[in-house]
mmCIF file of all heavy atoms, coordinates in Angstrom:
data_MODEL
# 
_entry.id   MODEL 
# 
loop_
_atom_site.group_PDB 
_atom_site.id 
_atom_site.type_symbol 
_atom_site.label_atom_id 
_atom_site.label_alt_id 
_atom_site.label_comp_id 
_atom_site.label_asym_id 
_atom_site.label_entity_id 
_atom_site.label_seq_id 
_atom_site.pdbx_PDB_ins_code 
_atom_site.Cartn_x 
_atom_site.Cartn_y 
_atom_site.Cartn_z 
_atom_site.occupancy 
_atom_site.B_iso_or_equiv 
_atom_site.pdbx_formal_charge 
_atom_site.auth_seq_id 
_atom_site.auth_comp_id 
_atom_site.auth_asym_id 
_atom_site.auth_atom_id 
_atom_site.pdbx_PDB_model_num 
ATOM 1   N N   . MET A 1 1  ? 14.526 12.039  -1.762  1.00 0.00 ? 1  MET A N   1 
ATOM 2   C CA  . MET A 1 1  ? 13.849 13.303  -2.207  1.00 0.00 ? 1  MET A CA  1 
ATOM 3   C C   . MET A 1 1  ? 14.252 13.551  -3.532  1.00 0.00 ? 1  MET A C   1 
ATOM 4   O O   . MET A 1 1  ? 15.300 13.468  -4.071  1.00 0.00 ? 1  MET A O   1 
ATOM 5   C CB  . MET A 1 1  ? 14.229 14.417  -1.352  1.00 0.00 ? 1  MET A CB  1 
ATOM 6   C CG  . MET A 1 1  ? 13.490 15.694  -1.620  1.00 0.00 ? 1  MET A CG  1 
ATOM 7   S SD  . MET A 1 1  ? 13.802 17.092  -0.398  1.00 0.00 ? 1  MET A SD  1 
ATOM 8   C CE  . MET A 1 1  ? 13.320 16.323  1.110   1.00 0.00 ? 1  MET A CE  1 
ATOM 9   N N   . GLY A 1 2  ? 13.210 13.890  -4.504  1.00 0.00 ? 2  GLY A N   1 
ATOM 10  C CA  . GLY A 1 2  ? 13.377 14.290  -5.774  1.00 0.00 ? 2  GLY A CA  1 
ATOM 11  C C   . GLY A 1 2  ? 13.048 13.200  -6.815  1.00 0.00 ? 2  GLY A C   1 
ATOM 12  O O   . GLY A 1 2  ? 12.895 13.490  -7.984  1.00 0.00 ? 2  GLY A O   1 
ATOM 13  N N   . TYR A 1 3  ? 12.808 11.961  -6.360  1.00 0.00 ? 3  TYR A N   1 
ATOM 14  C CA  . TYR A 1 3  ? 12.391 10.871  -7.266  1.00 0.00 ? 3  TYR A CA  1 
ATOM 15  C C   . TYR A 1 3  ? 11.416 10.002  -6.572  1.00 0.00 ? 3  TYR A C   1 
ATOM 16  O O   . TYR A 1 3  ? 11.369 9.736   -5.327  1.00 0.00 ? 3  TYR A O   1 
ATOM 17  C CB  . TYR A 1 3  ? 13.763 9.989   -7.491  1.00 0.00 ? 3  TYR A CB  1 
ATOM 18  C CG  . TYR A 1 3  ? 14.753 10.726  -8.525  1.00 0.00 ? 3  TYR A CG  1 
ATOM 19  C CD1 . TYR A 1 3  ? 15.719 11.480  -7.853  1.00 0.00 ? 3  TYR A CD1 1 
ATOM 20  C CD2 . TYR A 1 3  ? 14.544 10.761  -9.762  1.00 0.00 ? 3  TYR A CD2 1 
ATOM 21  C CE1 . TYR A 1 3  ? 16.615 12.240  -8.649  1.00 0.00 ? 3  TYR A CE1 1 
ATOM 22  C CE2 . TYR A 1 3  ? 15.374 11.488  -10.526 1.00 0.00 ? 3  TYR A CE2 1 
ATOM 23  C CZ  . TYR A 1 3  ? 16.466 12.204  -9.936  1.00 0.00 ? 3  TYR A CZ  1 
ATOM 24  O OH  . TYR A 1 3  ? 17.289 13.030  -10.701 1.00 0.00 ? 3  TYR A OH  1 
ATOM 25  N N   . LEU A 1 4  ? 10.416 9.448   -7.371  1.00 0.00 ? 4  LEU A N   1 
ATOM 26  C CA  . LEU A 1 4  ? 9.396  8.554   -6.926  1.00 0.00 ? 4  LEU A CA  1 
ATOM 27  C C   . LEU A 1 4  ? 9.755  7.254   -7.388  1.00 0.00 ? 4  LEU A C   1 
ATOM 28  O O   . LEU A 1 4  ? 10.243 7.032   -8.594  1.00 0.00 ? 4  LEU A O   1 
ATOM 29  C CB  . LEU A 1 4  ? 8.117  9.001   -7.411  1.00 0.00 ? 4  LEU A CB  1 
ATOM 30  C CG  . LEU A 1 4  ? 7.721  10.476  -7.078  1.00 0.00 ? 4  LEU A CG  1 
ATOM 31  C CD1 . LEU A 1 4  ? 6.417  10.840  -7.725  1.00 0.00 ? 4  LEU A CD1 1 
ATOM 32  C CD2 . LEU A 1 4  ? 7.577  10.552  -5.464  1.00 0.00 ? 4  LEU A CD2 1 
ATOM 33  N N   . LEU A 1 5  ? 9.436  6.152   -6.525  1.00 0.00 ? 5  LEU A N   1 
ATOM 34  C CA  . LEU A 1 5  ? 9.520  4.877   -6.971  1.00 0.00 ? 5  LEU A CA  1 
ATOM 35  C C   . LEU A 1 5  ? 8.171  4.160   -7.026  1.00 0.00 ? 5  LEU A C   1 
ATOM 36  O O   . LEU A 1 5  ? 7.451  4.163   -5.985  1.00 0.00 ? 5  LEU A O   1 
ATOM 37  C CB  . LEU A 1 5  ? 10.324 4.001   -5.948  1.00 0.00 ? 5  LEU A CB  1 
ATOM 38  C CG  . LEU A 1 5  ? 10.615 2.467   -6.221  1.00 0.00 ? 5  LEU A CG  1 
ATOM 39  C CD1 . LEU A 1 5  ? 11.423 2.362   -7.462  1.00 0.00 ? 5  LEU A CD1 1 
ATOM 40  C CD2 . LEU A 1 5  ? 11.424 1.984   -5.031  1.00 0.00 ? 5  LEU A CD2 1 
ATOM 41  N N   . LEU A 1 6  ? 7.701  3.767   -8.243  1.00 0.00 ? 6  LEU A N   1 
ATOM 42  C CA  . LEU A 1 6  ? 6.396  3.292   -8.399  1.00 0.00 ? 6  LEU A CA  1 
ATOM 43  C C   . LEU A 1 6  ? 6.437  1.799   -8.883  1.00 0.00 ? 6  LEU A C   1 
ATOM 44  O O   . LEU A 1 6  ? 7.462  1.478   -9.485  1.00 0.00 ? 6  LEU A O   1 
ATOM 45  C CB  . LEU A 1 6  ? 5.593  4.052   -9.586  1.00 0.00 ? 6  LEU A CB  1 
ATOM 46  C CG  . LEU A 1 6  ? 5.758  5.692   -9.353  1.00 0.00 ? 6  LEU A CG  1 
ATOM 47  C CD1 . LEU A 1 6  ? 5.124  6.308   -10.753 1.00 0.00 ? 6  LEU A CD1 1 
ATOM 48  C CD2 . LEU A 1 6  ? 5.122  6.055   -8.212  1.00 0.00 ? 6  LEU A CD2 1 
ATOM 49  N N   . GLU A 1 7  ? 5.477  1.065   -8.385  1.00 0.00 ? 7  GLU A N   1 
ATOM 50  C CA  . GLU A 1 7  ? 5.577  -0.383  -8.772  1.00 0.00 ? 7  GLU A CA  1 
ATOM 51  C C   . GLU A 1 7  ? 4.091  -1.002  -8.876  1.00 0.00 ? 7  GLU A C   1 
ATOM 52  O O   . GLU A 1 7  ? 3.193  -0.477  -8.310  1.00 0.00 ? 7  GLU A O   1 
ATOM 53  C CB  . GLU A 1 7  ? 6.364  -1.174  -7.714  1.00 0.00 ? 7  GLU A CB  1 
ATOM 54  C CG  . GLU A 1 7  ? 5.795  -1.178  -6.390  1.00 0.00 ? 7  GLU A CG  1 
ATOM 55  C CD  . GLU A 1 7  ? 6.356  -2.221  -5.386  1.00 0.00 ? 7  GLU A CD  1 
ATOM 56  O OE1 . GLU A 1 7  ? 6.577  -3.247  -5.771  1.00 0.00 ? 7  GLU A OE1 1 
ATOM 57  O OE2 . GLU A 1 7  ? 6.735  -1.637  -4.309  1.00 0.00 ? 7  GLU A OE2 1 
ATOM 58  N N   . ALA A 1 8  ? 4.004  -2.139  -9.527  1.00 0.00 ? 8  ALA A N   1 
ATOM 59  C CA  . ALA A 1 8  ? 2.777  -2.898  -9.625  1.00 0.00 ? 8  ALA A CA  1 
ATOM 60  C C   . ALA A 1 8  ? 3.208  -4.277  -9.987  1.00 0.00 ? 8  ALA A C   1 
ATOM 61  O O   . ALA A 1 8  ? 4.216  -4.564  -10.455 1.00 0.00 ? 8  ALA A O   1 
ATOM 62  C CB  . ALA A 1 8  ? 1.958  -2.270  -10.794 1.00 0.00 ? 8  ALA A CB  1 
ATOM 63  N N   . THR A 1 9  ? 2.309  -5.228  -9.706  1.00 0.00 ? 9  THR A N   1 
ATOM 64  C CA  . THR A 1 9  ? 2.353  -6.671  -9.831  1.00 0.00 ? 9  THR A CA  1 
ATOM 65  C C   . THR A 1 9  ? 1.229  -7.195  -10.602 1.00 0.00 ? 9  THR A C   1 
ATOM 66  O O   . THR A 1 9  ? 0.115  -6.807  -10.356 1.00 0.00 ? 9  THR A O   1 
ATOM 67  C CB  . THR A 1 9  ? 2.587  -7.363  -8.610  1.00 0.00 ? 9  THR A CB  1 
ATOM 68  O OG1 . THR A 1 9  ? 3.637  -6.688  -7.824  1.00 0.00 ? 9  THR A OG1 1 
ATOM 69  C CG2 . THR A 1 9  ? 2.813  -8.910  -8.753  1.00 0.00 ? 9  THR A CG2 1 
ATOM 70  N N   . GLY A 1 10 ? 1.504  -7.998  -11.503 1.00 0.00 ? 10 GLY A N   1 
ATOM 71  C CA  . GLY A 1 10 ? 0.408  -8.686  -12.359 1.00 0.00 ? 10 GLY A CA  1 
ATOM 72  C C   . GLY A 1 10 ? 0.881  -10.073 -12.952 1.00 0.00 ? 10 GLY A C   1 
ATOM 73  O O   . GLY A 1 10 ? 2.022  -10.513 -12.699 1.00 0.00 ? 10 GLY A O   1 
ATOM 74  N N   . PRO A 1 11 ? -0.003 -10.688 -13.678 1.00 0.00 ? 11 PRO A N   1 
ATOM 75  C CA  . PRO A 1 11 ? 0.304  -11.979 -14.229 1.00 0.00 ? 11 PRO A CA  1 
ATOM 76  C C   . PRO A 1 11 ? 1.392  -11.973 -15.306 1.00 0.00 ? 11 PRO A C   1 
ATOM 77  O O   . PRO A 1 11 ? 2.091  -13.116 -15.467 1.00 0.00 ? 11 PRO A O   1 
ATOM 78  C CB  . PRO A 1 11 ? -0.992 -12.498 -14.952 1.00 0.00 ? 11 PRO A CB  1 
ATOM 79  C CG  . PRO A 1 11 ? -1.775 -11.183 -15.221 1.00 0.00 ? 11 PRO A CG  1 
ATOM 80  C CD  . PRO A 1 11 ? -1.367 -10.170 -14.049 1.00 0.00 ? 11 PRO A CD  1 
ATOM 81  N N   . ASP A 1 12 ? 1.633  -10.962 -16.007 1.00 0.00 ? 12 ASP A N   1 
ATOM 82  C CA  . ASP A 1 12 ? 2.811  -10.815 -17.093 1.00 0.00 ? 12 ASP A CA  1 
ATOM 83  C C   . ASP A 1 12 ? 3.036  -9.375  -17.271 1.00 0.00 ? 12 ASP A C   1 
ATOM 84  O O   . ASP A 1 12 ? 2.574  -8.512  -16.644 1.00 0.00 ? 12 ASP A O   1 
ATOM 85  C CB  . ASP A 1 12 ? 2.286  -11.535 -18.376 1.00 0.00 ? 12 ASP A CB  1 
ATOM 86  C CG  . ASP A 1 12 ? 1.087  -10.901 -18.924 1.00 0.00 ? 12 ASP A CG  1 
ATOM 87  O OD1 . ASP A 1 12 ? 0.847  -9.634  -18.859 1.00 0.00 ? 12 ASP A OD1 1 
ATOM 88  O OD2 . ASP A 1 12 ? 0.155  -11.668 -19.508 1.00 0.00 ? 12 ASP A OD2 1 
ATOM 89  N N   . PHE A 1 13 ? 4.271  -9.141  -17.935 1.00 0.00 ? 13 PHE A N   1 
ATOM 90  C CA  . PHE A 1 13 ? 4.689  -7.788  -18.165 1.00 0.00 ? 13 PHE A CA  1 
ATOM 91  C C   . PHE A 1 13 ? 3.613  -6.816  -18.748 1.00 0.00 ? 13 PHE A C   1 
ATOM 92  O O   . PHE A 1 13 ? 3.368  -5.685  -18.278 1.00 0.00 ? 13 PHE A O   1 
ATOM 93  C CB  . PHE A 1 13 ? 5.872  -7.805  -18.860 1.00 0.00 ? 13 PHE A CB  1 
ATOM 94  C CG  . PHE A 1 13 ? 6.486  -6.436  -19.193 1.00 0.00 ? 13 PHE A CG  1 
ATOM 95  C CD1 . PHE A 1 13 ? 7.286  -5.739  -18.246 1.00 0.00 ? 13 PHE A CD1 1 
ATOM 96  C CD2 . PHE A 1 13 ? 6.204  -5.707  -20.481 1.00 0.00 ? 13 PHE A CD2 1 
ATOM 97  C CE1 . PHE A 1 13 ? 7.713  -4.490  -18.469 1.00 0.00 ? 13 PHE A CE1 1 
ATOM 98  C CE2 . PHE A 1 13 ? 6.716  -4.438  -20.636 1.00 0.00 ? 13 PHE A CE2 1 
ATOM 99  C CZ  . PHE A 1 13 ? 7.495  -3.814  -19.712 1.00 0.00 ? 13 PHE A CZ  1 
ATOM 100 N N   . THR A 1 14 ? 2.986  -7.146  -19.867 1.00 0.00 ? 14 THR A N   1 
ATOM 101 C CA  . THR A 1 14 ? 2.131  -6.377  -20.598 1.00 0.00 ? 14 THR A CA  1 
ATOM 102 C C   . THR A 1 14 ? 0.882  -5.879  -19.593 1.00 0.00 ? 14 THR A C   1 
ATOM 103 O O   . THR A 1 14 ? 0.575  -4.645  -19.380 1.00 0.00 ? 14 THR A O   1 
ATOM 104 C CB  . THR A 1 14 ? 1.453  -7.007  -21.781 1.00 0.00 ? 14 THR A CB  1 
ATOM 105 O OG1 . THR A 1 14 ? 2.620  -7.301  -22.545 1.00 0.00 ? 14 THR A OG1 1 
ATOM 106 C CG2 . THR A 1 14 ? 0.513  -6.062  -22.507 1.00 0.00 ? 14 THR A CG2 1 
ATOM 107 N N   . ARG A 1 15 ? 0.303  -6.812  -18.854 1.00 0.00 ? 15 ARG A N   1 
ATOM 108 C CA  . ARG A 1 15 ? -0.826 -6.473  -18.012 1.00 0.00 ? 15 ARG A CA  1 
ATOM 109 C C   . ARG A 1 15 ? -0.376 -5.734  -16.826 1.00 0.00 ? 15 ARG A C   1 
ATOM 110 O O   . ARG A 1 15 ? -1.103 -4.919  -16.174 1.00 0.00 ? 15 ARG A O   1 
ATOM 111 C CB  . ARG A 1 15 ? -1.641 -7.762  -17.709 1.00 0.00 ? 15 ARG A CB  1 
ATOM 112 C CG  . ARG A 1 15 ? -2.472 -8.199  -18.819 1.00 0.00 ? 15 ARG A CG  1 
ATOM 113 C CD  . ARG A 1 15 ? -3.273 -9.423  -18.437 1.00 0.00 ? 15 ARG A CD  1 
ATOM 114 N NE  . ARG A 1 15 ? -2.425 -10.666 -18.565 1.00 0.00 ? 15 ARG A NE  1 
ATOM 115 C CZ  . ARG A 1 15 ? -2.829 -11.918 -18.397 1.00 0.00 ? 15 ARG A CZ  1 
ATOM 116 N NH1 . ARG A 1 15 ? -4.231 -12.115 -18.216 1.00 0.00 ? 15 ARG A NH1 1 
ATOM 117 N NH2 . ARG A 1 15 ? -2.178 -12.885 -18.576 1.00 0.00 ? 15 ARG A NH2 1 
ATOM 118 N N   . THR A 1 16 ? 0.846  -6.039  -16.234 1.00 0.00 ? 16 THR A N   1 
ATOM 119 C CA  . THR A 1 16 ? 1.298  -5.275  -15.225 1.00 0.00 ? 16 THR A CA  1 
ATOM 120 C C   . THR A 1 16 ? 1.667  -3.913  -15.571 1.00 0.00 ? 16 THR A C   1 
ATOM 121 O O   . THR A 1 16 ? 1.327  -3.022  -14.887 1.00 0.00 ? 16 THR A O   1 
ATOM 122 C CB  . THR A 1 16 ? 2.627  -5.996  -14.543 1.00 0.00 ? 16 THR A CB  1 
ATOM 123 O OG1 . THR A 1 16 ? 2.345  -7.328  -14.214 1.00 0.00 ? 16 THR A OG1 1 
ATOM 124 C CG2 . THR A 1 16 ? 3.143  -5.272  -13.390 1.00 0.00 ? 16 THR A CG2 1 
ATOM 125 N N   . MET A 1 17 ? 2.318  -3.646  -16.682 1.00 0.00 ? 17 MET A N   1 
ATOM 126 C CA  . MET A 1 17 ? 2.460  -2.324  -17.272 1.00 0.00 ? 17 MET A CA  1 
ATOM 127 C C   . MET A 1 17 ? 1.231  -1.552  -17.463 1.00 0.00 ? 17 MET A C   1 
ATOM 128 O O   . MET A 1 17 ? 1.006  -0.372  -17.113 1.00 0.00 ? 17 MET A O   1 
ATOM 129 C CB  . MET A 1 17 ? 3.266  -2.320  -18.424 1.00 0.00 ? 17 MET A CB  1 
ATOM 130 C CG  . MET A 1 17 ? 3.787  -1.070  -18.975 1.00 0.00 ? 17 MET A CG  1 
ATOM 131 S SD  . MET A 1 17 ? 4.661  0.065   -17.854 1.00 0.00 ? 17 MET A SD  1 
ATOM 132 C CE  . MET A 1 17 ? 6.190  -0.864  -17.734 1.00 0.00 ? 17 MET A CE  1 
ATOM 133 N N   . ASN A 1 18 ? 0.177  -2.229  -18.018 1.00 0.00 ? 18 ASN A N   1 
ATOM 134 C CA  . ASN A 1 18 ? -1.177 -1.502  -18.083 1.00 0.00 ? 18 ASN A CA  1 
ATOM 135 C C   . ASN A 1 18 ? -1.733 -1.152  -16.675 1.00 0.00 ? 18 ASN A C   1 
ATOM 136 O O   . ASN A 1 18 ? -2.263 -0.015  -16.618 1.00 0.00 ? 18 ASN A O   1 
ATOM 137 C CB  . ASN A 1 18 ? -2.132 -2.378  -18.763 1.00 0.00 ? 18 ASN A CB  1 
ATOM 138 C CG  . ASN A 1 18 ? -1.737 -2.625  -20.288 1.00 0.00 ? 18 ASN A CG  1 
ATOM 139 O OD1 . ASN A 1 18 ? -1.061 -1.905  -20.840 1.00 0.00 ? 18 ASN A OD1 1 
ATOM 140 N ND2 . ASN A 1 18 ? -2.280 -3.741  -20.749 1.00 0.00 ? 18 ASN A ND2 1 
ATOM 141 N N   . LEU A 1 19 ? -1.435 -1.933  -15.708 1.00 0.00 ? 19 LEU A N   1 
ATOM 142 C CA  . LEU A 1 19 ? -1.917 -1.624  -14.319 1.00 0.00 ? 19 LEU A CA  1 
ATOM 143 C C   . LEU A 1 19 ? -1.258 -0.405  -13.892 1.00 0.00 ? 19 LEU A C   1 
ATOM 144 O O   . LEU A 1 19 ? -1.938 0.471   -13.180 1.00 0.00 ? 19 LEU A O   1 
ATOM 145 C CB  . LEU A 1 19 ? -1.883 -2.726  -13.370 1.00 0.00 ? 19 LEU A CB  1 
ATOM 146 C CG  . LEU A 1 19 ? -2.166 -2.606  -11.938 1.00 0.00 ? 19 LEU A CG  1 
ATOM 147 C CD1 . LEU A 1 19 ? -3.525 -2.115  -11.717 1.00 0.00 ? 19 LEU A CD1 1 
ATOM 148 C CD2 . LEU A 1 19 ? -1.755 -3.738  -11.081 1.00 0.00 ? 19 LEU A CD2 1 
ATOM 149 N N   . LEU A 1 20 ? 0.105  -0.366  -14.053 1.00 0.00 ? 20 LEU A N   1 
ATOM 150 C CA  . LEU A 1 20 ? 0.973  0.688   -13.554 1.00 0.00 ? 20 LEU A CA  1 
ATOM 151 C C   . LEU A 1 20 ? 0.524  1.977   -14.314 1.00 0.00 ? 20 LEU A C   1 
ATOM 152 O O   . LEU A 1 20 ? 0.322  3.091   -13.726 1.00 0.00 ? 20 LEU A O   1 
ATOM 153 C CB  . LEU A 1 20 ? 2.337  0.446   -13.729 1.00 0.00 ? 20 LEU A CB  1 
ATOM 154 C CG  . LEU A 1 20 ? 3.364  1.399   -13.200 1.00 0.00 ? 20 LEU A CG  1 
ATOM 155 C CD1 . LEU A 1 20 ? 3.262  1.467   -11.704 1.00 0.00 ? 20 LEU A CD1 1 
ATOM 156 C CD2 . LEU A 1 20 ? 4.756  0.985   -13.580 1.00 0.00 ? 20 LEU A CD2 1 
ATOM 157 N N   . GLN A 1 21 ? 0.304  1.930   -15.554 1.00 0.00 ? 21 GLN A N   1 
ATOM 158 C CA  . GLN A 1 21 ? -0.145 3.104   -16.415 1.00 0.00 ? 21 GLN A CA  1 
ATOM 159 C C   . GLN A 1 21 ? -1.366 3.689   -15.868 1.00 0.00 ? 21 GLN A C   1 
ATOM 160 O O   . GLN A 1 21 ? -1.633 4.843   -15.731 1.00 0.00 ? 21 GLN A O   1 
ATOM 161 C CB  . GLN A 1 21 ? -0.182 2.846   -17.793 1.00 0.00 ? 21 GLN A CB  1 
ATOM 162 C CG  . GLN A 1 21 ? 1.141  2.494   -18.592 1.00 0.00 ? 21 GLN A CG  1 
ATOM 163 C CD  . GLN A 1 21 ? 1.858  3.681   -18.945 1.00 0.00 ? 21 GLN A CD  1 
ATOM 164 O OE1 . GLN A 1 21 ? 1.570  4.872   -18.615 1.00 0.00 ? 21 GLN A OE1 1 
ATOM 165 N NE2 . GLN A 1 21 ? 2.686  3.523   -20.013 1.00 0.00 ? 21 GLN A NE2 1 
ATOM 166 N N   . ALA A 1 22 ? -2.378 2.728   -15.595 1.00 0.00 ? 22 ALA A N   1 
ATOM 167 C CA  . ALA A 1 22 ? -3.699 3.077   -15.160 1.00 0.00 ? 22 ALA A CA  1 
ATOM 168 C C   . ALA A 1 22 ? -3.694 3.680   -13.886 1.00 0.00 ? 22 ALA A C   1 
ATOM 169 O O   . ALA A 1 22 ? -4.732 4.567   -13.579 1.00 0.00 ? 22 ALA A O   1 
ATOM 170 C CB  . ALA A 1 22 ? -4.604 1.905   -15.310 1.00 0.00 ? 22 ALA A CB  1 
ATOM 171 N N   . THR A 1 23 ? -2.838 3.340   -12.965 1.00 0.00 ? 23 THR A N   1 
ATOM 172 C CA  . THR A 1 23 ? -2.906 3.957   -11.472 1.00 0.00 ? 23 THR A CA  1 
ATOM 173 C C   . THR A 1 23 ? -1.862 4.996   -11.202 1.00 0.00 ? 23 THR A C   1 
ATOM 174 O O   . THR A 1 23 ? -1.741 5.336   -10.131 1.00 0.00 ? 23 THR A O   1 
ATOM 175 C CB  . THR A 1 23 ? -2.762 2.660   -10.590 1.00 0.00 ? 23 THR A CB  1 
ATOM 176 O OG1 . THR A 1 23 ? -1.488 2.003   -10.841 1.00 0.00 ? 23 THR A OG1 1 
ATOM 177 C CG2 . THR A 1 23 ? -3.844 1.728   -10.739 1.00 0.00 ? 23 THR A CG2 1 
ATOM 178 N N   . THR A 1 24 ? -1.188 5.537   -12.314 1.00 0.00 ? 24 THR A N   1 
ATOM 179 C CA  . THR A 1 24 ? -0.164 6.563   -12.178 1.00 0.00 ? 24 THR A CA  1 
ATOM 180 C C   . THR A 1 24 ? -0.769 7.917   -12.572 1.00 0.00 ? 24 THR A C   1 
ATOM 181 O O   . THR A 1 24 ? -1.583 7.986   -13.567 1.00 0.00 ? 24 THR A O   1 
ATOM 182 C CB  . THR A 1 24 ? 1.057  6.315   -13.103 1.00 0.00 ? 24 THR A CB  1 
ATOM 183 O OG1 . THR A 1 24 ? 1.678  4.969   -12.675 1.00 0.00 ? 24 THR A OG1 1 
ATOM 184 C CG2 . THR A 1 24 ? 2.131  7.404   -12.942 1.00 0.00 ? 24 THR A CG2 1 
ATOM 185 N N   . PRO A 1 25 ? -0.659 8.900   -11.657 1.00 0.00 ? 25 PRO A N   1 
ATOM 186 C CA  . PRO A 1 25 ? -1.401 10.187  -11.932 1.00 0.00 ? 25 PRO A CA  1 
ATOM 187 C C   . PRO A 1 25 ? -0.837 10.977  -13.304 1.00 0.00 ? 25 PRO A C   1 
ATOM 188 O O   . PRO A 1 25 ? -1.535 11.799  -13.647 1.00 0.00 ? 25 PRO A O   1 
ATOM 189 C CB  . PRO A 1 25 ? -1.181 11.090  -10.843 1.00 0.00 ? 25 PRO A CB  1 
ATOM 190 C CG  . PRO A 1 25 ? 0.120  10.457  -10.210 1.00 0.00 ? 25 PRO A CG  1 
ATOM 191 C CD  . PRO A 1 25 ? 0.203  8.997   -10.453 1.00 0.00 ? 25 PRO A CD  1 
ATOM 192 N N   . ARG A 1 26 ? 0.166  10.522  -13.928 1.00 0.00 ? 26 ARG A N   1 
ATOM 193 C CA  . ARG A 1 26 ? 0.690  11.080  -15.180 1.00 0.00 ? 26 ARG A CA  1 
ATOM 194 C C   . ARG A 1 26 ? 1.021  10.076  -16.135 1.00 0.00 ? 26 ARG A C   1 
ATOM 195 O O   . ARG A 1 26 ? 1.339  8.882   -15.717 1.00 0.00 ? 26 ARG A O   1 
ATOM 196 C CB  . ARG A 1 26 ? 1.996  11.927  -14.858 1.00 0.00 ? 26 ARG A CB  1 
ATOM 197 C CG  . ARG A 1 26 ? 1.744  13.124  -13.863 1.00 0.00 ? 26 ARG A CG  1 
ATOM 198 C CD  . ARG A 1 26 ? 0.933  14.285  -14.580 1.00 0.00 ? 26 ARG A CD  1 
ATOM 199 N NE  . ARG A 1 26 ? 0.850  15.374  -13.700 1.00 0.00 ? 26 ARG A NE  1 
ATOM 200 C CZ  . ARG A 1 26 ? -0.079 15.586  -12.813 1.00 0.00 ? 26 ARG A CZ  1 
ATOM 201 N NH1 . ARG A 1 26 ? -0.995 14.648  -12.537 1.00 0.00 ? 26 ARG A NH1 1 
ATOM 202 N NH2 . ARG A 1 26 ? 0.031  16.581  -12.168 1.00 0.00 ? 26 ARG A NH2 1 
ATOM 203 N N   . THR A 1 27 ? 1.121  10.322  -17.388 1.00 0.00 ? 27 THR A N   1 
ATOM 204 C CA  . THR A 1 27 ? 1.498  9.303   -18.406 1.00 0.00 ? 27 THR A CA  1 
ATOM 205 C C   . THR A 1 27 ? 2.960  8.961   -18.296 1.00 0.00 ? 27 THR A C   1 
ATOM 206 O O   . THR A 1 27 ? 3.808  9.950   -18.289 1.00 0.00 ? 27 THR A O   1 
ATOM 207 C CB  . THR A 1 27 ? 1.209  9.861   -19.783 1.00 0.00 ? 27 THR A CB  1 
ATOM 208 O OG1 . THR A 1 27 ? -0.228 10.147  -19.992 1.00 0.00 ? 27 THR A OG1 1 
ATOM 209 C CG2 . THR A 1 27 ? 1.515  8.854   -20.849 1.00 0.00 ? 27 THR A CG2 1 
ATOM 210 N N   . LEU A 1 28 ? 3.366  7.857   -18.269 1.00 0.00 ? 28 LEU A N   1 
ATOM 211 C CA  . LEU A 1 28 ? 4.757  7.267   -18.175 1.00 0.00 ? 28 LEU A CA  1 
ATOM 212 C C   . LEU A 1 28 ? 5.399  7.506   -19.685 1.00 0.00 ? 28 LEU A C   1 
ATOM 213 O O   . LEU A 1 28 ? 4.906  7.055   -20.698 1.00 0.00 ? 28 LEU A O   1 
ATOM 214 C CB  . LEU A 1 28 ? 4.923  5.924   -17.839 1.00 0.00 ? 28 LEU A CB  1 
ATOM 215 C CG  . LEU A 1 28 ? 4.297  5.587   -16.286 1.00 0.00 ? 28 LEU A CG  1 
ATOM 216 C CD1 . LEU A 1 28 ? 4.511  4.052   -16.046 1.00 0.00 ? 28 LEU A CD1 1 
ATOM 217 C CD2 . LEU A 1 28 ? 5.179  6.402   -15.348 1.00 0.00 ? 28 LEU A CD2 1 
# 
């Protein structure tokens, strides 16, 4: 409680991070 664990998987770090940013309800 109090913390969220978010994750995403993709072909490389940059595109995976873009996917995580795009599907997260707030800006990281």
